[in-house]
Amino acid sequence: MLKIGLGVPLYAGLYNEAVASLLSLVEHTARILPNCVLYPIITNREFLPRARLKIVRQAKRLGCDFLFWYGEDIICEPDTIIKLIHYGRPVIGGLYLDRRPPYNPCVHKLAGNNTWMAYKLHELEDDMKVDAVGHDLTLFSKEVIEAIEPEAYIGVATMEGDDLAFGRWAKKKGIDIYVSTKVTGKHISEKREVIMVSNVVDLKEYLRKKSTWTKGD
C-alpha cells in the first residue's frame, strides 16, 4: 500500500480557495491511486522550520513513501501529486510565483557570491535541476523523508527562508532538487489576488472520510 503524507503547516489558516483546491487534490489522488492511503499531517501556528520538522517526523513514523507539501495560500490542479510522483525525483516542486511584486518564480539558484537569486520564467525548463524550490507545492521521496535532520531548515535563523535553507542542506547532502514547469500552482496574495503562471468546506470532516486523520505533534 502506498502511503502519502500531506504536509500542511497552518499559520493564518487556509484560504477558501485553497481548501477547495486541497479537497479536489485529495479526491483525485484517492481515485487514481486506489491502493494509497493519504495522511494529512497538520501543524497550527508554529514557527515554520519547527512545523516542517514536526511534519517530517510524523511522516517518518507513519512510514510514508512520499510527503507532499501544500501551502495555505496555494491553489493547484487535482492531478498535482500524481504528476509529481511520475517524475521519480527525490525532491520536485511545482511551479508557482511569489505572492508579492515582482512575482518571480519560487525557484532559486545560488549565485557566485553564495547568495540566492530567483530564476526568471524564461530560464526554466521542465524537470530541470535547481538549487531550491518553494515548499508549498513540493514532493519528497521516502529517501529524503528519512534523511532529513534538524539542520535542514536551520537557515531561517539567519533570515533565510525555510525553502532556501533546505536547498543549502540538500546540496550539502547530495540530494538533487528539480522543478516541474508542467505542474503549476496559483498563489493568493495578501490582497486576495490570485497570482498565477499563465464554497467553504469542512476540511477535517471531508479528510476523515477520504483518508486517515493525523495531527502533527
C-alpha atoms as a PDB file:
ATOM      1  CA  MET A   1       0.000   0.000   0.000  1.00  0.00           C
ATOM      2  CA  LEU A   2       1.295   3.433  -0.980  1.00  0.00           C
ATOM      3  CA  LYS A   3       1.432   5.942   1.875  1.00  0.00           C
ATOM      4  CA  ILE A   4       1.379   9.650   1.041  1.00  0.00           C
ATOM      5  CA  GLY A   5       1.717  12.323   3.691  1.00  0.00           C
ATOM      6  CA  LEU A   6       0.028  15.689   3.101  1.00  0.00           C
ATOM      7  CA  GLY A   7       2.113  18.230   4.983  1.00  0.00           C
ATOM      8  CA  VAL A   8       0.119  21.390   5.707  1.00  0.00           C
ATOM      9  CA  PRO A   9       1.782  23.832   8.126  1.00  0.00           C
ATOM     10  CA  LEU A  10      -1.038  26.221   9.018  1.00  0.00           C
ATOM     11  CA  TYR A  11      -0.478  29.678  10.445  1.00  0.00           C
ATOM     12  CA  ALA A  12      -3.047  32.192   9.235  1.00  0.00           C
ATOM     13  CA  GLY A  13      -5.359  29.396   8.075  1.00  0.00           C
ATOM     14  CA  LEU A  14      -6.358  28.006   4.703  1.00  0.00           C
ATOM     15  CA  TYR A  15      -7.912  30.430   2.246  1.00  0.00           C
ATOM     16  CA  ASN A  16     -11.311  29.262   0.975  1.00  0.00           C
ATOM     17  CA  GLU A  17      -9.867  28.763  -2.500  1.00  0.00           C
ATOM     18  CA  ALA A  18      -7.027  26.684  -1.065  1.00  0.00           C
ATOM     19  CA  VAL A  19      -9.492  24.498   0.856  1.00  0.00           C
ATOM     20  CA  ALA A  20     -11.447  23.731  -2.313  1.00  0.00           C
ATOM     21  CA  SER A  21      -8.216  23.009  -4.175  1.00  0.00           C
ATOM     22  CA  LEU A  22      -6.942  20.670  -1.452  1.00  0.00           C
ATOM     23  CA  LEU A  23     -10.211  18.742  -1.364  1.00  0.00           C
ATOM     24  CA  SER A  24     -10.094  18.218  -5.132  1.00  0.00           C
ATOM     25  CA  LEU A  25      -6.460  17.127  -4.835  1.00  0.00           C
ATOM     26  CA  VAL A  26      -7.298  14.537  -2.166  1.00  0.00           C
ATOM     27  CA  GLU A  27     -10.326  13.201  -4.038  1.00  0.00           C
ATOM     28  CA  HIS A  28      -8.495  12.882  -7.365  1.00  0.00           C
ATOM     29  CA  THR A  29      -5.413  11.242  -5.842  1.00  0.00           C
ATOM     30  CA  ALA A  30      -7.511   8.700  -3.924  1.00  0.00           C
ATOM     31  CA  ARG A  31      -9.489   7.869  -7.066  1.00  0.00           C
ATOM     32  CA  ILE A  32      -6.470   7.453  -9.364  1.00  0.00           C
ATOM     33  CA  LEU A  33      -4.395   5.595  -6.755  1.00  0.00           C
ATOM     34  CA  PRO A  34      -6.967   3.377  -5.009  1.00  0.00           C
ATOM     35  CA  ASN A  35      -4.206   1.459  -3.219  1.00  0.00           C
ATOM     36  CA  CYS A  36      -2.899   4.580  -1.458  1.00  0.00           C
ATOM     37  CA  VAL A  37      -3.562   5.969   1.998  1.00  0.00           C
ATOM     38  CA  LEU A  38      -3.427   9.749   2.398  1.00  0.00           C
ATOM     39  CA  TYR A  39      -2.289  11.050   5.779  1.00  0.00           C
ATOM     40  CA  PRO A  40      -2.956  14.768   6.347  1.00  0.00           C
ATOM     41  CA  ILE A  41      -0.298  15.965   8.806  1.00  0.00           C
ATOM     42  CA  ILE A  42      -1.164  19.393  10.145  1.00  0.00           C
ATOM     43  CA  THR A  43       0.526  21.886  12.451  1.00  0.00           C
ATOM     44  CA  ASN A  44      -1.096  25.067  13.714  1.00  0.00           C
ATOM     45  CA  ARG A  45       0.552  28.458  14.269  1.00  0.00           C
ATOM     46  CA  GLU A  46       4.079  27.161  14.762  1.00  0.00           C
ATOM     47  CA  PHE A  47       7.380  28.701  13.686  1.00  0.00           C
ATOM     48  CA  LEU A  48       7.660  27.350  10.147  1.00  0.00           C
ATOM     49  CA  PRO A  49      11.004  25.486  10.468  1.00  0.00           C
ATOM     50  CA  ARG A  50       9.717  23.747  13.607  1.00  0.00           C
ATOM     51  CA  ALA A  51       6.422  22.956  11.893  1.00  0.00           C
ATOM     52  CA  ARG A  52       8.179  21.383   8.919  1.00  0.00           C
ATOM     53  CA  LEU A  53      10.373  19.228  11.138  1.00  0.00           C
ATOM     54  CA  LYS A  54       7.337  18.028  13.120  1.00  0.00           C
ATOM     55  CA  ILE A  55       5.566  17.097   9.902  1.00  0.00           C
ATOM     56  CA  VAL A  56       8.626  15.251   8.588  1.00  0.00           C
ATOM     57  CA  ARG A  57       8.995  13.310  11.849  1.00  0.00           C
ATOM     58  CA  GLN A  58       5.345  12.272  11.702  1.00  0.00           C
ATOM     59  CA  ALA A  59       5.749  11.204   8.068  1.00  0.00           C
ATOM     60  CA  LYS A  60       8.691   9.051   9.161  1.00  0.00           C
ATOM     61  CA  ARG A  61       6.674   7.444  11.962  1.00  0.00           C
ATOM     62  CA  LEU A  62       3.863   6.684   9.540  1.00  0.00           C
ATOM     63  CA  GLY A  63       6.283   5.138   7.045  1.00  0.00           C
ATOM     64  CA  CYS A  64       5.221   7.481   4.242  1.00  0.00           C
ATOM     65  CA  ASP A  65       6.532   6.740   0.757  1.00  0.00           C
ATOM     66  CA  PHE A  66       6.030  10.385  -0.224  1.00  0.00           C
ATOM     67  CA  LEU A  67       5.455  13.677   1.546  1.00  0.00           C
ATOM     68  CA  PHE A  68       3.619  16.380  -0.372  1.00  0.00           C
ATOM     69  CA  TRP A  69       3.851  19.918   0.946  1.00  0.00           C
ATOM     70  CA  TYR A  70       0.835  22.169   0.498  1.00  0.00           C
ATOM     71  CA  GLY A  71       0.693  25.869   1.374  1.00  0.00           C
ATOM     72  CA  GLU A  72      -2.285  27.580   2.961  1.00  0.00           C
ATOM     73  CA  ASP A  73      -2.389  30.209   0.196  1.00  0.00           C
ATOM     74  CA  ILE A  74      -1.898  27.915  -2.822  1.00  0.00           C
ATOM     75  CA  ILE A  75      -4.305  26.654  -5.486  1.00  0.00           C
ATOM     76  CA  CYS A  76      -3.260  23.615  -7.510  1.00  0.00           C
ATOM     77  CA  GLU A  77      -4.656  21.202 -10.069  1.00  0.00           C
ATOM     78  CA  PRO A  78      -6.252  17.955  -8.803  1.00  0.00           C
ATOM     79  CA  ASP A  79      -3.630  15.773 -10.540  1.00  0.00           C
ATOM     80  CA  THR A  80      -0.639  17.572  -8.985  1.00  0.00           C
ATOM     81  CA  ILE A  81       0.525  14.717  -6.747  1.00  0.00           C
ATOM     82  CA  ILE A  82       0.070  12.108  -9.488  1.00  0.00           C
ATOM     83  CA  LYS A  83       2.141  14.123 -11.947  1.00  0.00           C
ATOM     84  CA  LEU A  84       4.928  14.851  -9.465  1.00  0.00           C
ATOM     85  CA  ILE A  85       5.223  11.179  -8.479  1.00  0.00           C
ATOM     86  CA  HIS A  86       5.699  10.217 -12.129  1.00  0.00           C
ATOM     87  CA  TYR A  87       8.904  12.256 -12.360  1.00  0.00           C
ATOM     88  CA  GLY A  88      10.618   9.851  -9.974  1.00  0.00           C
ATOM     89  CA  ARG A  89      12.778  12.595  -8.435  1.00  0.00           C
ATOM     90  CA  PRO A  90      13.933  12.779  -4.789  1.00  0.00           C
ATOM     91  CA  VAL A  91      12.604  16.340  -4.491  1.00  0.00           C
ATOM     92  CA  ILE A  92      10.465  18.022  -7.137  1.00  0.00           C
ATOM     93  CA  GLY A  93       8.417  21.172  -6.878  1.00  0.00           C
ATOM     94  CA  GLY A  94       5.599  22.525  -8.968  1.00  0.00           C
ATOM     95  CA  LEU A  95       5.987  25.996 -10.436  1.00  0.00           C
ATOM     96  CA  TYR A  96       4.271  28.959  -8.799  1.00  0.00           C
ATOM     97  CA  LEU A  97       5.077  32.651  -8.431  1.00  0.00           C
ATOM     98  CA  ASP A  98       5.810  34.735  -5.368  1.00  0.00           C
ATOM     99  CA  ARG A  99       2.720  36.416  -3.913  1.00  0.00           C
ATOM    100  CA  ARG A 100       4.379  39.852  -3.902  1.00  0.00           C
ATOM    101  CA  PRO A 101       5.794  42.004  -6.746  1.00  0.00           C
ATOM    102  CA  PRO A 102       7.775  41.448  -8.910  1.00  0.00           C
ATOM    103  CA  TYR A 103       6.135  37.971  -8.808  1.00  0.00           C
ATOM    104  CA  ASN A 104       9.264  35.943  -9.517  1.00  0.00           C
ATOM    105  CA  PRO A 105       9.093  32.137  -9.700  1.00  0.00           C
ATOM    106  CA  CYS A 106       9.600  30.474  -6.308  1.00  0.00           C
ATOM    107  CA  VAL A 107      12.618  28.696  -7.767  1.00  0.00           C
ATOM    108  CA  HIS A 108      16.145  29.769  -6.843  1.00  0.00           C
ATOM    109  CA  LYS A 109      19.802  29.296  -7.704  1.00  0.00           C
ATOM    110  CA  LEU A 110      22.925  30.012  -5.694  1.00  0.00           C
ATOM    111  CA  ALA A 111      24.938  32.826  -7.266  1.00  0.00           C
ATOM    112  CA  GLY A 112      28.717  33.039  -7.324  1.00  0.00           C
ATOM    113  CA  ASN A 113      28.842  35.006  -4.073  1.00  0.00           C
ATOM    114  CA  ASN A 114      26.779  32.318  -2.330  1.00  0.00           C
ATOM    115  CA  THR A 115      23.594  34.387  -2.335  1.00  0.00           C
ATOM    116  CA  TRP A 116      20.222  33.367  -3.701  1.00  0.00           C
ATOM    117  CA  MET A 117      18.744  34.574  -6.976  1.00  0.00           C
ATOM    118  CA  ALA A 118      15.264  33.798  -8.274  1.00  0.00           C
ATOM    119  CA  TYR A 119      15.068  32.307 -11.742  1.00  0.00           C
ATOM    120  CA  LYS A 120      13.222  34.165 -14.469  1.00  0.00           C
ATOM    121  CA  LEU A 121      10.372  32.247 -16.082  1.00  0.00           C
ATOM    122  CA  HIS A 122      12.133  32.015 -19.441  1.00  0.00           C
ATOM    123  CA  GLU A 123      15.145  30.348 -17.789  1.00  0.00           C
ATOM    124  CA  LEU A 124      13.177  27.370 -16.510  1.00  0.00           C
ATOM    125  CA  GLU A 125      12.671  24.056 -18.280  1.00  0.00           C
ATOM    126  CA  ASP A 126      10.606  21.050 -17.287  1.00  0.00           C
ATOM    127  CA  ASP A 127      12.340  18.553 -14.972  1.00  0.00           C
ATOM    128  CA  MET A 128      15.216  20.990 -14.511  1.00  0.00           C
ATOM    129  CA  LYS A 129      17.705  20.609 -11.668  1.00  0.00           C
ATOM    130  CA  VAL A 130      17.750  23.708  -9.449  1.00  0.00           C
ATOM    131  CA  ASP A 131      19.172  24.718  -6.079  1.00  0.00           C
ATOM    132  CA  ALA A 132      15.890  25.417  -4.284  1.00  0.00           C
ATOM    133  CA  VAL A 133      12.133  25.379  -4.839  1.00  0.00           C
ATOM    134  CA  GLY A 134       9.326  26.831  -2.770  1.00  0.00           C
ATOM    135  CA  HIS A 135       7.946  24.205  -0.394  1.00  0.00           C
ATOM    136  CA  ASP A 136       4.279  25.000  -0.965  1.00  0.00           C
ATOM    137  CA  LEU A 137       3.843  22.599  -3.889  1.00  0.00           C
ATOM    138  CA  THR A 138       6.666  20.106  -3.459  1.00  0.00           C
ATOM    139  CA  LEU A 139       7.006  16.323  -3.229  1.00  0.00           C
ATOM    140  CA  PHE A 140       9.645  14.494  -1.145  1.00  0.00           C
ATOM    141  CA  SER A 141      10.540  10.843  -1.740  1.00  0.00           C
ATOM    142  CA  LYS A 142      10.846   8.361   1.122  1.00  0.00           C
ATOM    143  CA  GLU A 143      14.638   8.560   0.944  1.00  0.00           C
ATOM    144  CA  VAL A 144      14.527  12.301   1.533  1.00  0.00           C
ATOM    145  CA  ILE A 145      11.985  11.974   4.342  1.00  0.00           C
ATOM    146  CA  GLU A 146      14.286   9.523   6.096  1.00  0.00           C
ATOM    147  CA  ALA A 147      17.398  11.659   5.530  1.00  0.00           C
ATOM    148  CA  ILE A 148      16.110  14.984   6.877  1.00  0.00           C
ATOM    149  CA  GLU A 149      17.838  16.287  10.007  1.00  0.00           C
ATOM    150  CA  PRO A 150      17.010  19.279  12.239  1.00  0.00           C
ATOM    151  CA  GLU A 151      19.720  21.222  10.413  1.00  0.00           C
ATOM    152  CA  ALA A 152      17.727  21.015   7.178  1.00  0.00           C
ATOM    153  CA  TYR A 153      15.806  24.217   7.980  1.00  0.00           C
ATOM    154  CA  ILE A 154      18.241  25.982  10.300  1.00  0.00           C
ATOM    155  CA  GLY A 155      18.971  28.781   7.807  1.00  0.00           C
ATOM    156  CA  VAL A 156      15.819  30.588   8.899  1.00  0.00           C
ATOM    157  CA  ALA A 157      17.729  31.680  11.996  1.00  0.00           C
ATOM    158  CA  THR A 158      19.915  33.769   9.680  1.00  0.00           C
ATOM    159  CA  MET A 159      16.923  35.378   7.927  1.00  0.00           C
ATOM    160  CA  GLU A 160      16.955  32.810   5.143  1.00  0.00           C
ATOM    161  CA  GLY A 161      13.640  31.262   4.123  1.00  0.00           C
ATOM    162  CA  ASP A 162      12.987  27.647   5.068  1.00  0.00           C
ATOM    163  CA  ASP A 163      12.920  26.550   1.426  1.00  0.00           C
ATOM    164  CA  LEU A 164      16.293  28.194   0.769  1.00  0.00           C
ATOM    165  CA  ALA A 165      17.787  26.742   3.945  1.00  0.00           C
ATOM    166  CA  PHE A 166      16.599  23.326   2.807  1.00  0.00           C
ATOM    167  CA  GLY A 167      18.228  23.943  -0.582  1.00  0.00           C
ATOM    168  CA  ARG A 168      21.608  24.567   1.067  1.00  0.00           C
ATOM    169  CA  TRP A 169      21.233  21.488   3.232  1.00  0.00           C
ATOM    170  CA  ALA A 170      20.194  19.302   0.284  1.00  0.00           C
ATOM    171  CA  LYS A 171      23.188  20.451  -1.768  1.00  0.00           C
ATOM    172  CA  LYS A 172      25.496  19.613   1.137  1.00  0.00           C
ATOM    173  CA  LYS A 173      23.944  16.143   1.421  1.00  0.00           C
ATOM    174  CA  GLY A 174      23.978  15.466  -2.333  1.00  0.00           C
ATOM    175  CA  ILE A 175      20.181  15.484  -2.651  1.00  0.00           C
ATOM    176  CA  ASP A 176      19.035  16.795  -6.022  1.00  0.00           C
ATOM    177  CA  ILE A 177      16.114  19.210  -6.349  1.00  0.00           C
ATOM    178  CA  TYR A 178      14.050  19.611  -9.522  1.00  0.00           C
ATOM    179  CA  VAL A 179      11.245  21.817 -10.777  1.00  0.00           C
ATOM    180  CA  SER A 180       8.317  20.850 -12.975  1.00  0.00           C
ATOM    181  CA  THR A 181       7.043  23.510 -15.363  1.00  0.00           C
ATOM    182  CA  LYS A 182       4.121  21.246 -16.289  1.00  0.00           C
ATOM    183  CA  VAL A 183       2.782  21.261 -12.736  1.00  0.00           C
ATOM    184  CA  THR A 184       1.777  24.801 -11.866  1.00  0.00           C
ATOM    185  CA  GLY A 185       0.052  26.459  -8.960  1.00  0.00           C
ATOM    186  CA  LYS A 186      -1.593  29.776  -8.167  1.00  0.00           C
ATOM    187  CA  HIS A 187      -0.548  31.927  -5.215  1.00  0.00           C
ATOM    188  CA  ILE A 188      -3.098  34.022  -3.333  1.00  0.00           C
ATOM    189  CA  SER A 189      -1.687  37.454  -2.483  1.00  0.00           C
ATOM    190  CA  GLU A 190      -2.298  39.465   0.683  1.00  0.00           C
ATOM    191  CA  LYS A 191      -4.844  41.481  -1.328  1.00  0.00           C
ATOM    192  CA  ARG A 192      -6.647  38.246  -2.239  1.00  0.00           C
ATOM    193  CA  GLU A 193      -5.453  38.468  -5.835  1.00  0.00           C
ATOM    194  CA  VAL A 194      -4.703  35.142  -7.497  1.00  0.00           C
ATOM    195  CA  ILE A 195      -1.135  35.215  -8.812  1.00  0.00           C
ATOM    196  CA  MET A 196      -0.716  32.564 -11.489  1.00  0.00           C
ATOM    197  CA  VAL A 197       1.849  31.449 -14.067  1.00  0.00           C
ATOM    198  CA  SER A 198      -0.182  31.625 -17.100  1.00  0.00           C
ATOM    199  CA  ASN A 199     -17.576  27.353  -1.125  1.00  0.00           C
ATOM    200  CA  VAL A 200     -16.072  26.923   2.327  1.00  0.00           C
ATOM    201  CA  VAL A 201     -15.970  23.199   3.185  1.00  0.00           C
ATOM    202  CA  ASP A 202     -15.424  21.411   6.492  1.00  0.00           C
ATOM    203  CA  LEU A 203     -11.888  20.213   5.756  1.00  0.00           C
ATOM    204  CA  LYS A 204     -11.441  17.886   8.713  1.00  0.00           C
ATOM    205  CA  GLU A 205     -14.710  16.036   8.183  1.00  0.00           C
ATOM    206  CA  TYR A 206     -14.039  15.561   4.485  1.00  0.00           C
ATOM    207  CA  LEU A 207     -10.494  14.309   5.023  1.00  0.00           C
ATOM    208  CA  ARG A 208     -11.668  11.899   7.718  1.00  0.00           C
ATOM    209  CA  LYS A 209     -13.912  10.277   5.136  1.00  0.00           C
ATOM    210  CA  LYS A 210     -11.254  10.174   2.418  1.00  0.00           C
ATOM    211  CA  SER A 211      -8.213   9.161   4.442  1.00  0.00           C
ATOM    212  CA  THR A 212      -6.789   8.810   7.929  1.00  0.00           C
ATOM    213  CA  TRP A 213      -6.670  11.994  10.004  1.00  0.00           C
ATOM    214  CA  THR A 214      -3.287  12.504  11.641  1.00  0.00           C
ATOM    215  CA  LYS A 215      -2.403  15.642  13.570  1.00  0.00           C
ATOM    216  CA  GLY A 216       1.258  16.711  13.755  1.00  0.00           C
ATOM    217  CA  ASP A 217       2.656  16.614  17.259  1.00  0.00           C
END
